[in-house]
Amino acid sequence: MKRLLFFLLISFSATAQQPVITAKNNVKPERLPLVRDYLSPGRVLLQDGVTNAAALLLPGNGQGDLSNKNMCILKKNASLLLDFDKELHGGLQLVTGMSPAHRPIKLRIRFGESVSEAMSNIEPEKNATNDHAMRDMIVEVPWLGKLEVGNTGFRFVRIDMLDSVDLQLKEARAIAVYRDIPYLGSFRCNDERLNEIWATGAYTVHLNMQEYLWDGIKRDRLVWIGDMHPEVATINAVFGNNDVVTKSLDLTRDITPLPGYMNGMVSYSMWWVIIQRDWYMKTGDIEYLRQQSAYLKALLAHFQTKIGKDGREALDGNRFLDWPSSEDKAAIHAGLHAMLLMCMDAGAELSAVLGDRETADNCKAAAVKLKKYIPAAKESKQAAALLALSGLAPADKMNKEVIAVCGVKNYSTFYGYYMLQAKAKAGDYVGAMNDIRTYWGAMLDLGATTFWEDFNMDWIPGAGRIDTFVTPGQKDIHGDYGAYCYKGFRHSFCHGWASGPTAWLTEHVLGVQVLEPGCKRLLIKPNLGNLTYVEGTFPTPKGIVHIRHFKRPDGSIGSDIKSPPGVKVDVQY
């Protein structure tokens, strides 16, 4: 029998005149740690030519049946807009009933992160696109059957009939695809706005923890290393050790042979070094760190050649911090110089752990050289934040003269995290919390359930919410704004780099700082500002640390802290 099968295979190959590609029997299919939940919509926002749309709000079972009871009926040219209550990653499941036509029925499906995006056409005016993920498509659904379609980020779905016969629709459920992992970290205080912001940042990153750690679930479904830095900080605060981080770090390393820069940007290769340091401090995984040693050594040596005799950075490649600062060459220079110093400091720490004294000493010497030159931040909050965090400029000076000027004007969702970190270093915890409430809170006020790729306070006047129809005279917060790669509806409304407040609140209000690799020793230094209490949990490789801080009547702070064996806690007020 085996010989016969082999002969038939060879004969077919020869006849077709092309090679036959077969998989070995011992190759196992990839099994991803993702689950699928099926969710009925919470609201019907539009129904035109539709009967009994309320049936779609009921729980479904994904199974067609012969009873044909309680169907939603879409007639010729009918339209239906569904709201699934919150941002999701995945697609749509349609379950149909009996059809007198006994044939497939043609529909148009449009996904949207806002009502206006779901109502839009693919066109250049407001930049509605199918980039990275299909969100506008024509499909055919079977009669008395089921179709699953879509793989994108969305909250709203519009369904349009493109056929001349009625569609009996039993169910239209969202397919939510995500990692079924526990929220080990938590945060709660007496300010509900801060609580909601912490949870929204955590959920934003959770949705982006797909096969790899993406920065956006609708657009840019890619591993961008710089974007990963605040995401990894949030993962450390909320989920603890998760292989989506190392898998994503390794993917980008493996597709970026030196002297190339990760994602084509010199700053992103520096972020890779800094993330490696932060990840090692959190996990204490020395075996993983050793796997990086050869690449790390060569990358650090390469960066050391990019320092001029006067100590100024001379980095080549695509010079980028974030989009709002991308046209400010002076800010980019100051930021990259500060980042190179931060990279050398992180490289020295990692090399010492790896026992590579030569590289550690070279990094320290490079850091000394870089400190001889201090660029000016001017009016750039991005540059000021990095100069403060690198130690090149006093944090209180950068905060007072640049970051705190005009409140959250010129904040950005990515570098806002570093602005908050610089404010914390300056001791301005109250100011930072106010900025979180104002800037990230404004997205919630506009209907956000995840944080956006970018946001500008100048967009707010006259703008409608993302979960309602734009009325005459209103600005469309999604379609009318944005710049660079995120103009109009191409703008991502679930972007992991915007999650910084979640990590920041855990680090500076709950007050958790990692002092020794693997969280063997923590410093807990609460900063309640005008809060009366804060409580939460922090995941470590040894278990969960439970923390509660409260203000006494005299204004002093008291704490209740429970840590697992193997985790030493120092408390400082």
Protein backbone atom coordinates (compact mmCIF):
# COMPACT_ATOMS: atom_id res chain seq x y z
CA MET A 1 0.00 0.00 0.00
CA LYS A 2 2.81 2.44 0.94
CA ARG A 3 4.55 1.77 -2.39
CA LEU A 4 1.30 2.36 -4.31
CA LEU A 5 0.68 5.68 -2.57
CA PHE A 6 4.26 6.75 -3.23
CA PHE A 7 3.91 5.81 -6.94
CA LEU A 8 0.66 7.76 -7.29
CA LEU A 9 2.21 10.80 -5.65
CA ILE A 10 5.24 10.73 -7.98
CA SER A 11 3.03 10.19 -11.03
CA PHE A 12 0.79 13.15 -10.14
CA SER A 13 3.83 15.32 -9.55
CA ALA A 14 5.31 14.41 -12.92
CA THR A 15 2.02 15.03 -14.72
CA ALA A 16 1.57 18.43 -13.11
CA GLN A 17 5.23 19.28 -13.84
CA GLN A 18 5.61 21.05 -10.51
CA PRO A 19 7.07 19.99 -7.16
CA VAL A 20 4.81 18.57 -4.51
CA ILE A 21 5.27 20.09 -1.09
CA THR A 22 4.29 17.92 1.84
CA ALA A 23 4.56 18.37 5.59
CA LYS A 24 6.39 15.87 7.73
CA ASN A 25 4.16 13.74 9.91
CA ASN A 26 5.87 14.92 13.09
CA VAL A 27 5.21 18.64 12.44
CA LYS A 28 2.69 19.81 15.00
CA PRO A 29 0.28 22.65 14.24
CA GLU A 30 0.81 25.87 16.16
CA ARG A 31 -1.56 26.15 19.11
CA LEU A 32 -2.06 29.74 20.19
CA PRO A 33 -3.13 30.74 23.72
CA LEU A 34 -6.19 32.57 22.41
CA VAL A 35 -9.86 32.02 23.17
CA ARG A 36 -13.04 33.08 21.39
CA ASP A 37 -16.09 34.46 23.17
CA TYR A 38 -19.37 35.13 21.35
CA LEU A 39 -21.12 38.32 22.45
CA SER A 40 -24.56 39.59 21.50
CA PRO A 41 -24.82 43.33 20.81
CA GLY A 42 -25.90 45.68 23.55
CA ARG A 43 -27.73 48.18 21.37
CA VAL A 44 -29.21 48.58 17.90
CA LEU A 45 -28.31 52.11 16.81
CA LEU A 46 -29.78 52.05 13.31
CA GLN A 47 -32.45 49.93 11.65
CA ASP A 48 -33.89 50.72 8.26
CA GLY A 49 -35.94 48.08 6.45
CA VAL A 50 -35.52 45.78 9.45
CA THR A 51 -38.14 43.92 11.44
CA ASN A 52 -37.62 42.61 15.00
CA ALA A 53 -34.03 43.85 15.43
CA ALA A 54 -34.44 43.40 19.19
CA ALA A 55 -34.12 39.62 18.67
CA LEU A 56 -30.40 40.13 18.00
CA LEU A 57 -29.87 41.46 21.54
CA LEU A 58 -30.85 38.11 23.05
CA PRO A 59 -28.23 35.49 24.00
CA GLY A 60 -27.44 33.16 21.12
CA ASN A 61 -26.08 29.66 20.76
CA GLY A 62 -24.51 29.85 17.30
CA GLN A 63 -26.80 27.12 15.97
CA GLY A 64 -29.27 27.38 13.13
CA ASP A 65 -32.53 25.49 13.55
CA LEU A 66 -35.72 24.66 11.70
CA SER A 67 -38.14 26.49 13.99
CA ASN A 68 -37.50 29.87 12.33
CA LYS A 69 -38.87 31.61 15.42
CA ASN A 70 -38.12 35.16 16.60
CA MET A 71 -36.05 36.09 13.57
CA CYS A 72 -34.71 39.52 12.69
CA ILE A 73 -35.73 40.11 9.08
CA LEU A 74 -33.72 42.32 6.74
CA LYS A 75 -35.50 43.31 3.56
CA LYS A 76 -34.07 44.61 0.30
CA ASN A 77 -31.75 47.61 0.88
CA ALA A 78 -32.05 47.19 4.66
CA SER A 79 -29.39 48.61 7.02
CA LEU A 80 -28.54 47.71 10.59
CA LEU A 81 -25.96 49.20 12.97
CA LEU A 82 -24.99 47.25 16.09
CA ASP A 83 -23.09 48.41 19.18
CA PHE A 84 -21.21 45.75 21.16
CA ASP A 85 -20.64 48.14 24.11
CA LYS A 86 -16.83 48.07 24.14
CA GLU A 87 -13.82 47.73 21.87
CA LEU A 88 -13.14 44.14 20.84
CA HIS A 89 -10.67 42.23 18.70
CA GLY A 90 -12.05 39.58 16.38
CA GLY A 91 -14.96 39.39 13.97
CA LEU A 92 -18.66 38.72 13.48
CA GLN A 93 -20.72 35.53 13.52
CA LEU A 94 -23.97 35.51 11.51
CA VAL A 95 -26.52 32.70 12.00
CA THR A 96 -29.36 32.56 9.49
CA GLY A 97 -32.78 30.98 9.30
CA MET A 98 -34.90 29.54 6.50
CA SER A 99 -34.89 31.38 3.18
CA PRO A 100 -37.44 30.85 0.38
CA ALA A 101 -34.62 31.58 -2.10
CA HIS A 102 -32.61 28.57 -0.88
CA ARG A 103 -29.35 30.28 -1.87
CA PRO A 104 -26.65 32.48 -0.35
CA ILE A 105 -27.55 36.12 0.30
CA LYS A 106 -25.14 38.96 -0.32
CA LEU A 107 -24.34 41.46 2.46
CA ARG A 108 -21.95 44.32 3.08
CA ILE A 109 -20.24 44.24 6.50
CA ARG A 110 -18.49 47.29 7.97
CA PHE A 111 -16.60 47.26 11.26
CA GLY A 112 -15.83 50.47 13.11
CA GLU A 113 -14.08 51.67 16.25
CA SER A 114 -16.57 54.55 16.21
CA VAL A 115 -20.13 54.93 14.96
CA SER A 116 -18.92 57.22 12.19
CA GLU A 117 -16.23 54.76 11.04
CA ALA A 118 -18.78 51.93 10.81
CA MET A 119 -20.97 54.24 8.71
CA SER A 120 -18.12 55.31 6.41
CA ASN A 121 -17.11 54.24 2.92
CA ILE A 122 -13.58 53.46 1.79
CA GLU A 123 -12.58 56.89 0.50
CA PRO A 124 -9.73 59.41 0.82
CA GLU A 125 -11.66 62.35 2.32
CA LYS A 126 -11.73 60.96 5.88
CA ASN A 127 -9.22 58.19 5.18
CA ALA A 128 -11.41 55.15 5.81
CA THR A 129 -9.23 52.20 4.81
CA ASN A 130 -8.81 48.45 4.86
CA ASP A 131 -5.16 48.81 5.90
CA HIS A 132 -3.70 45.89 7.90
CA ALA A 133 -7.16 44.46 8.59
CA MET A 134 -10.29 44.21 6.43
CA ARG A 135 -13.06 46.26 7.99
CA ASP A 136 -15.30 46.85 4.95
CA MET A 137 -16.21 43.83 2.84
CA ILE A 138 -18.92 42.11 0.80
CA VAL A 139 -19.82 38.57 1.83
CA GLU A 140 -22.44 35.92 1.19
CA VAL A 141 -24.24 34.20 4.04
CA PRO A 142 -25.78 30.73 3.65
CA TRP A 143 -29.42 30.03 4.27
CA LEU A 144 -30.05 28.03 7.44
CA GLY A 145 -26.37 28.18 8.28
CA LYS A 146 -23.55 30.20 9.78
CA LEU A 147 -20.77 32.47 8.60
CA GLU A 148 -17.88 33.95 10.58
CA VAL A 149 -16.12 36.93 9.06
CA GLY A 150 -13.61 39.59 10.05
CA ASN A 151 -10.39 39.90 12.01
CA THR A 152 -9.94 43.46 13.24
CA GLY A 153 -10.50 45.90 16.09
CA PHE A 154 -14.03 47.22 16.43
CA ARG A 155 -16.97 48.12 18.63
CA PHE A 156 -19.63 48.79 15.99
CA VAL A 157 -20.81 46.73 13.01
CA ARG A 158 -23.02 47.90 10.15
CA ILE A 159 -24.81 45.30 8.02
CA ASP A 160 -26.34 46.25 4.64
CA MET A 161 -28.48 44.05 2.39
CA LEU A 162 -27.19 43.84 -1.17
CA ASP A 163 -29.69 41.22 -2.35
CA SER A 164 -33.28 41.27 -3.52
CA VAL A 165 -34.61 38.64 -1.10
CA ASP A 166 -35.33 38.84 2.63
CA LEU A 167 -32.69 37.66 5.07
CA GLN A 168 -33.89 35.85 8.16
CA LEU A 169 -31.17 36.58 10.69
CA LYS A 170 -31.19 34.59 13.93
CA GLU A 171 -27.98 35.96 15.47
CA ALA A 172 -25.30 38.57 14.83
CA ARG A 173 -22.68 38.08 17.53
CA ALA A 174 -19.24 39.55 17.95
CA ILE A 175 -16.36 37.08 18.09
CA ALA A 176 -13.98 38.35 20.78
CA VAL A 177 -10.49 36.85 20.37
CA TYR A 178 -8.14 37.36 23.32
CA ARG A 179 -5.78 35.71 25.79
CA ASP A 180 -7.73 34.23 28.67
CA ILE A 181 -5.39 35.41 31.40
CA PRO A 182 -6.12 36.74 34.90
CA TYR A 183 -5.65 40.35 35.91
CA LEU A 184 -3.18 39.65 38.71
CA GLY A 185 -2.45 43.31 39.33
CA SER A 186 -5.13 45.71 40.49
CA PHE A 187 -5.61 49.33 41.51
CA ARG A 188 -8.41 51.05 43.36
CA CYS A 189 -8.64 54.38 45.14
CA ASN A 190 -11.34 56.84 46.19
CA ASP A 191 -11.21 58.55 42.76
CA GLU A 192 -13.37 56.58 40.32
CA ARG A 193 -11.94 58.45 37.34
CA LEU A 194 -8.44 57.19 38.12
CA ASN A 195 -9.81 53.69 38.68
CA GLU A 196 -11.47 53.71 35.26
CA ILE A 197 -8.33 55.04 33.58
CA TRP A 198 -6.18 52.31 35.19
CA ALA A 199 -8.61 49.60 34.05
CA THR A 200 -8.93 51.05 30.53
CA GLY A 201 -5.16 51.06 30.05
CA ALA A 202 -4.97 47.46 31.25
CA TYR A 203 -7.75 46.41 28.87
CA THR A 204 -6.12 48.28 25.97
CA VAL A 205 -2.92 46.26 26.35
CA HIS A 206 -4.83 43.02 26.97
CA LEU A 207 -6.55 43.31 23.58
CA ASN A 208 -3.16 43.83 21.92
CA MET A 209 -1.70 40.66 23.48
CA GLN A 210 -2.59 38.54 20.45
CA GLU A 211 -0.23 36.09 18.68
CA TYR A 212 2.40 38.74 19.40
CA LEU A 213 2.29 42.02 21.29
CA TRP A 214 0.80 44.49 18.83
CA ASP A 215 0.47 48.22 19.18
CA GLY A 216 -2.99 48.30 17.57
CA ILE A 217 -5.71 45.73 16.87
CA LYS A 218 -7.19 47.52 13.85
CA ARG A 219 -4.17 49.13 12.24
CA ASP A 220 -0.46 48.46 12.73
CA ARG A 221 -1.07 44.91 13.90
CA LEU A 222 2.69 44.63 14.14
CA VAL A 223 5.43 44.32 16.74
CA TRP A 224 6.82 47.84 17.18
CA ILE A 225 9.55 47.67 19.82
CA GLY A 226 9.37 51.28 20.97
CA ASP A 227 5.62 51.03 21.36
CA MET A 228 6.20 47.92 23.45
CA HIS A 229 8.00 49.77 26.25
CA PRO A 230 4.89 51.26 27.92
CA GLU A 231 2.98 48.09 27.03
CA VAL A 232 5.52 45.93 28.84
CA ALA A 233 5.37 48.28 31.83
CA THR A 234 1.59 47.74 31.89
CA ILE A 235 1.98 43.96 31.52
CA ASN A 236 4.41 43.97 34.45
CA ALA A 237 1.86 45.84 36.56
CA VAL A 238 -1.22 43.85 35.53
CA PHE A 239 -0.47 40.41 34.08
CA GLY A 240 3.02 39.53 35.27
CA ASN A 241 5.26 37.23 33.24
CA ASN A 242 3.70 36.46 29.86
CA ASP A 243 5.50 34.90 26.91
CA VAL A 244 3.95 37.37 24.47
CA VAL A 245 6.70 39.77 25.59
CA THR A 246 9.71 37.52 25.00
CA LYS A 247 8.18 36.11 21.83
CA SER A 248 7.80 39.64 20.44
CA LEU A 249 11.25 40.79 21.54
CA ASP A 250 12.83 37.74 19.90
CA LEU A 251 10.83 38.10 16.68
CA THR A 252 12.07 41.63 16.16
CA ARG A 253 15.64 40.69 17.06
CA ASP A 254 15.63 37.79 14.62
CA ILE A 255 14.34 39.84 11.68
CA THR A 256 16.78 42.70 12.36
CA PRO A 257 20.36 41.65 11.62
CA LEU A 258 22.91 44.21 12.77
CA PRO A 259 23.73 46.94 11.95
CA GLY A 260 20.08 47.38 11.02
CA TYR A 261 17.70 49.09 13.42
CA MET A 262 14.53 47.50 14.73
CA ASN A 263 11.45 48.66 12.81
CA GLY A 264 13.85 50.84 10.85
CA MET A 265 14.20 53.34 13.71
CA VAL A 266 17.35 53.86 15.75
CA SER A 267 15.40 54.72 18.91
CA TYR A 268 13.52 51.41 18.73
CA SER A 269 16.72 49.38 18.99
CA MET A 270 17.55 51.42 22.09
CA TRP A 271 14.09 50.66 23.50
CA TRP A 272 14.85 46.95 22.97
CA VAL A 273 17.85 47.24 25.31
CA ILE A 274 15.83 49.17 27.90
CA ILE A 275 12.95 46.66 27.76
CA GLN A 276 15.42 43.80 28.25
CA ARG A 277 16.67 45.49 31.43
CA ASP A 278 13.14 46.14 32.73
CA TRP A 279 12.02 42.58 31.90
CA TYR A 280 15.01 41.05 33.65
CA MET A 281 14.39 43.16 36.76
CA LYS A 282 10.77 42.03 36.86
CA THR A 283 11.22 38.34 36.02
CA GLY A 284 14.80 37.57 37.09
CA ASP A 285 14.99 35.20 34.11
CA ILE A 286 18.75 34.89 33.65
CA GLU A 287 18.44 32.07 31.11
CA TYR A 288 16.39 34.27 28.80
CA LEU A 289 18.83 37.14 29.25
CA ARG A 290 21.75 34.89 28.30
CA GLN A 291 20.02 34.14 25.01
CA GLN A 292 20.31 37.84 24.18
CA SER A 293 23.98 38.21 25.07
CA ALA A 294 25.58 38.01 21.61
CA TYR A 295 23.09 40.38 19.96
CA LEU A 296 23.13 42.72 22.95
CA LYS A 297 26.94 42.93 22.99
CA ALA A 298 27.15 43.71 19.27
CA LEU A 299 24.29 46.25 19.41
CA LEU A 300 25.85 48.12 22.33
CA ALA A 301 29.22 48.17 20.58
CA HIS A 302 27.54 49.58 17.47
CA PHE A 303 25.84 52.35 19.45
CA GLN A 304 29.16 53.31 21.04
CA THR A 305 30.48 54.19 17.58
CA LYS A 306 27.66 56.75 17.25
CA ILE A 307 29.04 59.17 19.85
CA GLY A 308 31.08 62.12 18.59
CA LYS A 309 34.33 63.34 20.08
CA ASP A 310 32.43 66.18 21.77
CA GLY A 311 30.07 63.68 23.42
CA ARG A 312 27.12 64.45 21.15
CA GLU A 313 25.01 61.62 19.78
CA ALA A 314 25.63 60.97 16.08
CA LEU A 315 22.98 58.32 15.51
CA ASP A 316 22.07 57.41 11.95
CA GLY A 317 19.02 55.75 10.49
CA ASN A 318 15.45 56.92 10.93
CA ARG A 319 15.53 59.41 13.80
CA PHE A 320 12.16 59.19 15.56
CA LEU A 321 10.72 59.71 19.05
CA ASP A 322 6.97 59.93 18.47
CA TRP A 323 4.76 61.38 15.76
CA PRO A 324 3.89 64.75 17.35
CA SER A 325 7.62 65.54 17.72
CA SER A 326 8.64 64.08 14.36
CA GLU A 327 9.19 67.43 12.64
CA ASP A 328 11.15 69.01 15.51
CA LYS A 329 14.77 68.15 14.73
CA ALA A 330 16.12 69.83 17.87
CA ALA A 331 13.72 67.83 20.06
CA ILE A 332 14.64 64.61 18.30
CA HIS A 333 18.34 65.31 18.80
CA ALA A 334 17.86 66.04 22.52
CA GLY A 335 15.64 63.01 22.97
CA LEU A 336 17.95 60.63 21.13
CA HIS A 337 20.96 61.89 23.07
CA ALA A 338 19.13 61.24 26.35
CA MET A 339 17.93 57.85 25.11
CA LEU A 340 21.46 56.83 24.14
CA LEU A 341 22.58 57.59 27.69
CA MET A 342 19.66 55.56 29.09
CA CYS A 343 20.58 52.73 26.71
CA MET A 344 24.21 52.75 27.84
CA ASP A 345 23.15 52.69 31.50
CA ALA A 346 20.82 49.74 30.85
CA GLY A 347 23.49 48.02 28.77
CA ALA A 348 26.05 48.37 31.56
CA GLU A 349 23.62 46.79 34.05
CA LEU A 350 22.77 43.86 31.78
CA SER A 351 26.39 43.24 30.77
CA ALA A 352 27.45 43.14 34.42
CA VAL A 353 24.76 40.54 35.12
CA LEU A 354 26.01 38.51 32.15
CA GLY A 355 29.57 38.70 33.41
CA ASP A 356 30.70 40.69 30.36
CA ARG A 357 32.95 43.17 32.13
CA GLU A 358 34.43 44.54 28.90
CA THR A 359 31.03 45.57 27.50
CA ALA A 360 29.90 46.90 30.89
CA ASP A 361 33.01 49.08 31.15
CA ASN A 362 32.61 50.32 27.58
CA CYS A 363 28.98 51.26 28.30
CA LYS A 364 30.01 53.16 31.43
CA ALA A 365 32.73 55.00 29.52
CA ALA A 366 30.23 55.89 26.80
CA ALA A 367 27.82 57.20 29.43
CA VAL A 368 30.53 59.42 30.90
CA LYS A 369 31.21 60.80 27.44
CA LEU A 370 27.54 61.47 26.73
CA LYS A 371 27.13 63.38 30.00
CA LYS A 372 29.67 65.96 28.85
CA TYR A 373 27.11 67.38 26.43
CA ILE A 374 23.63 68.50 27.47
CA PRO A 375 21.24 69.44 24.65
CA ALA A 376 18.40 71.89 25.17
CA ALA A 377 14.80 70.71 25.46
CA LYS A 378 13.43 74.09 24.38
CA GLU A 379 9.63 73.70 24.33
CA SER A 380 9.46 69.96 23.60
CA LYS A 381 7.81 67.98 26.39
CA GLN A 382 9.11 64.79 24.80
CA ALA A 383 12.72 65.99 24.94
CA ALA A 384 12.31 67.45 28.42
CA ALA A 385 10.93 64.18 29.76
CA LEU A 386 13.82 62.11 28.38
CA LEU A 387 16.44 64.62 29.55
CA ALA A 388 14.96 64.43 33.06
CA LEU A 389 14.74 60.63 33.09
CA SER A 390 18.29 60.22 31.82
CA GLY A 391 19.63 62.56 34.51
CA LEU A 392 21.02 65.04 31.99
CA ALA A 393 18.74 67.79 33.31
CA PRO A 394 17.10 68.35 36.70
CA ALA A 395 13.61 66.86 36.69
CA ASP A 396 12.10 69.73 38.65
CA LYS A 397 13.52 72.23 36.15
CA MET A 398 12.22 70.27 33.14
CA ASN A 399 8.81 69.94 34.77
CA LYS A 400 8.50 73.58 35.78
CA GLU A 401 9.86 75.11 32.59
CA VAL A 402 8.52 72.70 29.96
CA ILE A 403 6.33 69.74 30.93
CA ALA A 404 3.91 71.51 33.30
CA VAL A 405 3.54 74.57 31.05
CA CYS A 406 -0.06 74.89 29.80
CA GLY A 407 -1.09 71.65 31.50
CA VAL A 408 -1.58 68.76 29.08
CA LYS A 409 -1.23 70.87 25.94
CA ASN A 410 1.21 69.06 23.62
CA TYR A 411 0.95 65.81 25.56
CA SER A 412 0.98 62.65 23.45
CA THR A 413 -0.44 59.23 24.18
CA PHE A 414 2.96 57.48 23.76
CA TYR A 415 5.35 59.96 25.36
CA GLY A 416 2.76 61.06 27.89
CA TYR A 417 4.02 58.11 29.95
CA TYR A 418 7.53 59.58 30.07
CA MET A 419 6.15 63.03 30.85
CA LEU A 420 4.35 61.50 33.82
CA GLN A 421 7.53 59.66 34.84
CA ALA A 422 9.49 62.91 34.71
CA LYS A 423 6.85 64.65 36.83
CA ALA A 424 7.13 61.86 39.38
CA LYS A 425 10.91 62.25 39.44
CA ALA A 426 10.32 65.95 40.11
CA GLY A 427 7.98 65.07 42.99
CA ASP A 428 4.94 66.49 41.19
CA TYR A 429 2.61 63.56 41.86
CA VAL A 430 -0.48 65.74 42.25
CA GLY A 431 0.23 67.43 38.93
CA ALA A 432 0.73 64.08 37.22
CA MET A 433 -2.54 62.69 38.57
CA ASN A 434 -4.36 65.82 37.42
CA ASP A 435 -2.85 65.40 33.96
CA ILE A 436 -4.00 61.77 33.86
CA ARG A 437 -7.53 62.80 34.83
CA THR A 438 -7.58 65.57 32.23
CA TYR A 439 -5.86 64.02 29.21
CA TRP A 440 -6.71 60.30 29.37
CA GLY A 441 -10.00 61.07 31.10
CA ALA A 442 -11.06 63.21 28.15
CA MET A 443 -10.97 60.14 25.90
CA LEU A 444 -13.34 58.38 28.30
CA ASP A 445 -15.64 61.41 28.21
CA LEU A 446 -15.81 60.98 24.44
CA GLY A 447 -16.95 57.36 24.76
CA ALA A 448 -13.60 55.55 24.63
CA THR A 449 -13.35 52.08 26.13
CA THR A 450 -9.69 51.76 25.11
CA PHE A 451 -7.00 54.43 24.72
CA TRP A 452 -6.15 55.92 21.37
CA GLU A 453 -3.10 56.15 19.13
CA ASP A 454 -3.09 59.92 19.58
CA PHE A 455 -5.20 62.56 21.22
CA ASN A 456 -5.12 66.33 21.28
CA MET A 457 -7.11 68.49 23.69
CA ASP A 458 -7.70 70.94 20.83
CA TRP A 459 -9.98 68.34 19.22
CA ILE A 460 -12.56 68.51 22.01
CA PRO A 461 -14.52 71.75 21.35
CA GLY A 462 -17.64 70.94 19.34
CA ALA A 463 -16.81 67.25 18.95
CA GLY A 464 -19.33 64.45 19.40
CA ARG A 465 -18.79 61.15 21.18
CA ILE A 466 -17.58 58.08 19.30
CA ASP A 467 -20.64 56.05 20.36
CA THR A 468 -23.23 58.40 18.85
CA PHE A 469 -24.03 59.76 15.39
CA VAL A 470 -22.34 63.00 14.44
CA THR A 471 -25.03 65.68 14.23
CA PRO A 472 -24.98 68.73 11.94
CA GLY A 473 -22.54 71.30 13.26
CA GLN A 474 -20.60 68.78 15.33
CA LYS A 475 -17.01 67.77 14.72
CA ASP A 476 -16.33 64.07 14.09
CA ILE A 477 -13.66 63.25 16.70
CA HIS A 478 -12.62 60.24 14.59
CA GLY A 479 -12.99 61.28 10.98
CA ASP A 480 -12.05 64.95 11.19
CA TYR A 481 -8.77 64.74 13.10
CA GLY A 482 -5.41 63.00 13.14
CA ALA A 483 -2.13 63.47 11.30
CA TYR A 484 0.84 61.61 9.83
CA CYS A 485 -0.06 57.90 9.54
CA TYR A 486 -3.25 58.21 11.62
CA LYS A 487 -5.38 60.66 9.65
CA GLY A 488 -9.14 60.33 9.97
CA PHE A 489 -10.65 56.87 10.31
CA ARG A 490 -7.25 55.22 9.87
CA HIS A 491 -6.57 56.45 13.41
CA SER A 492 -6.34 53.52 15.82
CA PHE A 493 -8.62 53.73 18.87
CA CYS A 494 -6.97 50.82 20.70
CA HIS A 495 -3.23 51.48 20.89
CA GLY A 496 -1.11 49.83 23.55
CA TRP A 497 1.46 52.63 23.74
CA ALA A 498 -1.27 54.83 25.28
CA SER A 499 -1.56 52.67 28.43
CA GLY A 500 1.11 54.51 30.41
CA PRO A 501 -1.16 55.75 33.26
CA THR A 502 -1.88 52.14 34.28
CA ALA A 503 1.79 51.39 34.87
CA TRP A 504 2.38 54.85 36.36
CA LEU A 505 -0.42 54.59 38.94
CA THR A 506 0.90 51.22 40.09
CA GLU A 507 4.48 52.47 40.21
CA HIS A 508 3.93 55.84 41.89
CA VAL A 509 0.56 55.96 43.66
CA LEU A 510 0.41 52.35 44.84
CA GLY A 511 4.16 52.95 44.96
CA VAL A 512 5.76 49.71 43.73
CA GLN A 513 9.37 49.82 42.54
CA VAL A 514 11.48 46.71 41.79
CA LEU A 515 14.89 46.87 43.48
CA GLU A 516 16.27 43.40 42.79
CA PRO A 517 15.82 41.04 39.82
CA GLY A 518 12.82 38.76 40.01
CA CYS A 519 11.10 41.16 42.45
CA LYS A 520 13.09 39.60 45.29
CA ARG A 521 13.15 43.04 46.86
CA LEU A 522 10.59 45.79 46.36
CA LEU A 523 10.46 49.40 47.49
CA ILE A 524 6.92 50.52 48.25
CA LYS A 525 6.71 54.29 48.37
CA PRO A 526 3.12 55.55 48.17
CA ASN A 527 2.24 59.01 46.87
CA LEU A 528 -1.43 59.62 47.54
CA GLY A 529 -1.54 63.32 46.70
CA ASN A 530 -5.13 64.36 47.40
CA LEU A 531 -6.39 60.76 47.61
CA THR A 532 -7.61 59.35 50.91
CA TYR A 533 -6.70 55.73 50.18
CA VAL A 534 -5.35 53.42 47.50
CA GLU A 535 -5.24 49.64 47.42
CA GLY A 536 -4.22 47.03 44.94
CA THR A 537 -2.10 44.04 44.04
CA PHE A 538 1.20 43.57 42.25
CA PRO A 539 2.25 40.31 40.55
CA THR A 540 5.74 38.91 41.16
CA PRO A 541 7.33 35.58 40.16
CA LYS A 542 6.91 34.52 43.82
CA GLY A 543 3.23 35.44 44.07
CA ILE A 544 0.94 38.41 44.60
CA VAL A 545 1.78 41.38 46.84
CA HIS A 546 -1.31 42.91 48.49
CA ILE A 547 -1.07 46.60 49.32
CA ARG A 548 -3.29 49.18 50.99
CA HIS A 549 -2.36 52.76 51.91
CA PHE A 550 -4.59 55.19 53.78
CA LYS A 551 -4.42 58.70 55.15
CA ARG A 552 -4.75 59.13 58.87
CA PRO A 553 -6.61 62.13 60.34
CA ASP A 554 -3.30 63.93 60.87
CA GLY A 555 -2.39 63.52 57.16
CA SER A 556 0.24 60.83 57.67
CA ILE A 557 0.12 57.61 55.65
CA GLY A 558 -0.49 54.15 57.03
CA SER A 559 -0.06 50.91 55.11
CA ASP A 560 -1.09 47.27 55.20
CA ILE A 561 1.19 45.12 53.03
CA LYS A 562 1.24 41.35 52.58
CA SER A 563 3.98 39.84 50.46
CA PRO A 564 4.64 36.19 49.54
CA PRO A 565 7.68 34.30 50.81
CA GLY A 566 10.81 35.27 48.91
CA VAL A 567 9.76 38.89 48.36
CA LYS A 568 11.31 41.41 50.74
CA VAL A 569 9.49 44.74 51.01
CA ASP A 570 10.99 48.07 52.06
CA VAL A 571 8.44 50.80 52.84
CA GLN A 572 9.28 54.47 52.52
CA TYR A 573 7.09 57.52 53.09
